[in-house]
């Protein structure tokens, strides 16, 4: 005896956000999103132990990062590091 399940999903394309259809292209200003991605990509790393030169490399290696690698600065890297650290604390201290 075979059973077949059928279902349909209807989407209202007018109300979907663009990032739902296409991944967001990240820039240096997307600190929270980058922090989340770094936490997922490098779950074993304590962000406060990462040098800014390494952090820069981690960010520009993210698949959705599309900004100019030379447009970073210490303030932007520090904001990303703090966003990543918040994610790290949420995960490790739950």
C-alpha atoms as a PDB file:
ATOM      1  CA  UNK A   1       0.000   0.000   0.000  1.00  0.00           C
ATOM      2  CA  UNK A   2       1.398   3.413  -1.003  1.00  0.00           C
ATOM      3  CA  UNK A   3       0.498   6.803   0.326  1.00  0.00           C
ATOM      4  CA  UNK A   4       1.271   9.992  -1.490  1.00  0.00           C
ATOM      5  CA  UNK A   5       1.245  13.316   0.227  1.00  0.00           C
ATOM      6  CA  UNK A   6       0.747  16.427  -1.772  1.00  0.00           C
ATOM      7  CA  UNK A   7       0.809  19.948  -0.509  1.00  0.00           C
ATOM      8  CA  UNK A   8       1.257  23.324  -2.017  1.00  0.00           C
ATOM      9  CA  UNK A   9       2.805  26.465  -0.711  1.00  0.00           C
ATOM     10  CA  UNK A  10       1.646  29.802  -1.924  1.00  0.00           C
ATOM     11  CA  UNK A  11       3.935  32.775  -1.670  1.00  0.00           C
ATOM     12  CA  UNK A  12       2.997  36.364  -2.130  1.00  0.00           C
ATOM     13  CA  UNK A  13       6.001  37.630  -4.057  1.00  0.00           C
ATOM     14  CA  UNK A  14       4.942  41.222  -3.487  1.00  0.00           C
ATOM     15  CA  UNK A  15       5.408  40.925   0.286  1.00  0.00           C
ATOM     16  CA  UNK A  16       8.627  38.915   0.329  1.00  0.00           C
ATOM     17  CA  UNK A  17      11.703  40.807   1.383  1.00  0.00           C
ATOM     18  CA  UNK A  18      14.537  40.795  -1.179  1.00  0.00           C
ATOM     19  CA  UNK A  19      16.868  39.003   1.255  1.00  0.00           C
ATOM     20  CA  UNK A  20      14.338  36.146   1.424  1.00  0.00           C
ATOM     21  CA  UNK A  21      14.759  35.553  -2.288  1.00  0.00           C
ATOM     22  CA  UNK A  22      18.433  36.465  -2.564  1.00  0.00           C
ATOM     23  CA  UNK A  23      21.061  36.469   0.178  1.00  0.00           C
ATOM     24  CA  UNK A  24      21.943  39.884   1.514  1.00  0.00           C
ATOM     25  CA  UNK A  25      25.180  41.325   0.222  1.00  0.00           C
ATOM     26  CA  UNK A  26      27.068  42.262   3.359  1.00  0.00           C
ATOM     27  CA  UNK A  27      29.101  45.409   3.864  1.00  0.00           C
ATOM     28  CA  UNK A  28      31.327  46.581   6.699  1.00  0.00           C
ATOM     29  CA  UNK A  29      28.279  48.285   8.238  1.00  0.00           C
ATOM     30  CA  UNK A  30      26.349  44.996   8.671  1.00  0.00           C
ATOM     31  CA  UNK A  31      28.077  44.282  11.965  1.00  0.00           C
ATOM     32  CA  UNK A  32      25.316  42.186  13.558  1.00  0.00           C
ATOM     33  CA  UNK A  33      24.816  39.995  10.494  1.00  0.00           C
ATOM     34  CA  UNK A  34      28.563  39.507  10.126  1.00  0.00           C
ATOM     35  CA  UNK A  35      28.863  38.678  13.830  1.00  0.00           C
ATOM     36  CA  UNK A  36      26.209  35.981  13.472  1.00  0.00           C
ATOM     37  CA  UNK A  37      27.892  34.495  10.405  1.00  0.00           C
ATOM     38  CA  UNK A  38      31.315  34.489  12.047  1.00  0.00           C
ATOM     39  CA  UNK A  39      29.838  32.756  15.094  1.00  0.00           C
ATOM     40  CA  UNK A  40      28.376  30.076  12.830  1.00  0.00           C
ATOM     41  CA  UNK A  41      31.517  29.784  10.700  1.00  0.00           C
ATOM     42  CA  UNK A  42      34.009  29.723  13.585  1.00  0.00           C
ATOM     43  CA  UNK A  43      32.061  28.412  16.610  1.00  0.00           C
ATOM     44  CA  UNK A  44      35.186  27.271  18.437  1.00  0.00           C
ATOM     45  CA  UNK A  45      36.928  30.655  18.399  1.00  0.00           C
ATOM     46  CA  UNK A  46      36.645  33.217  21.193  1.00  0.00           C
ATOM     47  CA  UNK A  47      36.258  36.456  19.205  1.00  0.00           C
ATOM     48  CA  UNK A  48      38.197  38.468  21.780  1.00  0.00           C
ATOM     49  CA  UNK A  49      41.273  36.348  21.036  1.00  0.00           C
ATOM     50  CA  UNK A  50      41.232  37.274  17.330  1.00  0.00           C
ATOM     51  CA  UNK A  51      43.635  39.912  16.008  1.00  0.00           C
ATOM     52  CA  UNK A  52      42.091  42.517  13.724  1.00  0.00           C
ATOM     53  CA  UNK A  53      44.229  41.328  10.813  1.00  0.00           C
ATOM     54  CA  UNK A  54      42.744  37.843  11.177  1.00  0.00           C
ATOM     55  CA  UNK A  55      39.244  39.233  11.739  1.00  0.00           C
ATOM     56  CA  UNK A  56      39.563  41.196   8.511  1.00  0.00           C
ATOM     57  CA  UNK A  57      40.482  37.977   6.684  1.00  0.00           C
ATOM     58  CA  UNK A  58      37.545  36.102   8.228  1.00  0.00           C
ATOM     59  CA  UNK A  59      35.104  38.820   7.168  1.00  0.00           C
ATOM     60  CA  UNK A  60      36.226  39.149   3.569  1.00  0.00           C
ATOM     61  CA  UNK A  61      36.159  35.341   3.252  1.00  0.00           C
ATOM     62  CA  UNK A  62      32.426  35.231   4.032  1.00  0.00           C
ATOM     63  CA  UNK A  63      30.475  34.166   0.975  1.00  0.00           C
ATOM     64  CA  UNK A  64      27.965  37.033   1.178  1.00  0.00           C
ATOM     65  CA  UNK A  65      30.505  39.758   1.927  1.00  0.00           C
ATOM     66  CA  UNK A  66      30.665  42.083  -1.067  1.00  0.00           C
ATOM     67  CA  UNK A  67      32.205  45.317   0.227  1.00  0.00           C
ATOM     68  CA  UNK A  68      35.600  46.722  -0.615  1.00  0.00           C
ATOM     69  CA  UNK A  69      38.162  44.942   1.593  1.00  0.00           C
ATOM     70  CA  UNK A  70      40.097  48.212   1.881  1.00  0.00           C
ATOM     71  CA  UNK A  71      37.060  50.077   3.278  1.00  0.00           C
ATOM     72  CA  UNK A  72      37.439  48.622   6.763  1.00  0.00           C
ATOM     73  CA  UNK A  73      38.846  50.486   9.705  1.00  0.00           C
ATOM     74  CA  UNK A  74      39.532  49.803  13.364  1.00  0.00           C
ATOM     75  CA  UNK A  75      36.096  51.034  14.508  1.00  0.00           C
ATOM     76  CA  UNK A  76      34.261  48.796  12.036  1.00  0.00           C
ATOM     77  CA  UNK A  77      36.361  45.770  12.948  1.00  0.00           C
ATOM     78  CA  UNK A  78      35.806  46.413  16.646  1.00  0.00           C
ATOM     79  CA  UNK A  79      32.024  46.651  16.112  1.00  0.00           C
ATOM     80  CA  UNK A  80      32.084  43.343  14.219  1.00  0.00           C
ATOM     81  CA  UNK A  81      34.201  41.740  16.934  1.00  0.00           C
ATOM     82  CA  UNK A  82      31.729  42.874  19.617  1.00  0.00           C
ATOM     83  CA  UNK A  83      28.738  41.584  17.618  1.00  0.00           C
ATOM     84  CA  UNK A  84      30.529  38.252  17.184  1.00  0.00           C
ATOM     85  CA  UNK A  85      31.374  38.235  20.907  1.00  0.00           C
ATOM     86  CA  UNK A  86      27.690  38.722  21.818  1.00  0.00           C
ATOM     87  CA  UNK A  87      26.797  35.706  19.669  1.00  0.00           C
ATOM     88  CA  UNK A  88      29.644  33.735  21.248  1.00  0.00           C
ATOM     89  CA  UNK A  89      28.366  34.544  24.750  1.00  0.00           C
ATOM     90  CA  UNK A  90      24.795  33.626  23.819  1.00  0.00           C
ATOM     91  CA  UNK A  91      25.988  30.266  22.545  1.00  0.00           C
ATOM     92  CA  UNK A  92      28.449  29.438  25.329  1.00  0.00           C
ATOM     93  CA  UNK A  93      26.640  30.874  28.337  1.00  0.00           C
ATOM     94  CA  UNK A  94      23.137  30.272  26.997  1.00  0.00           C
END
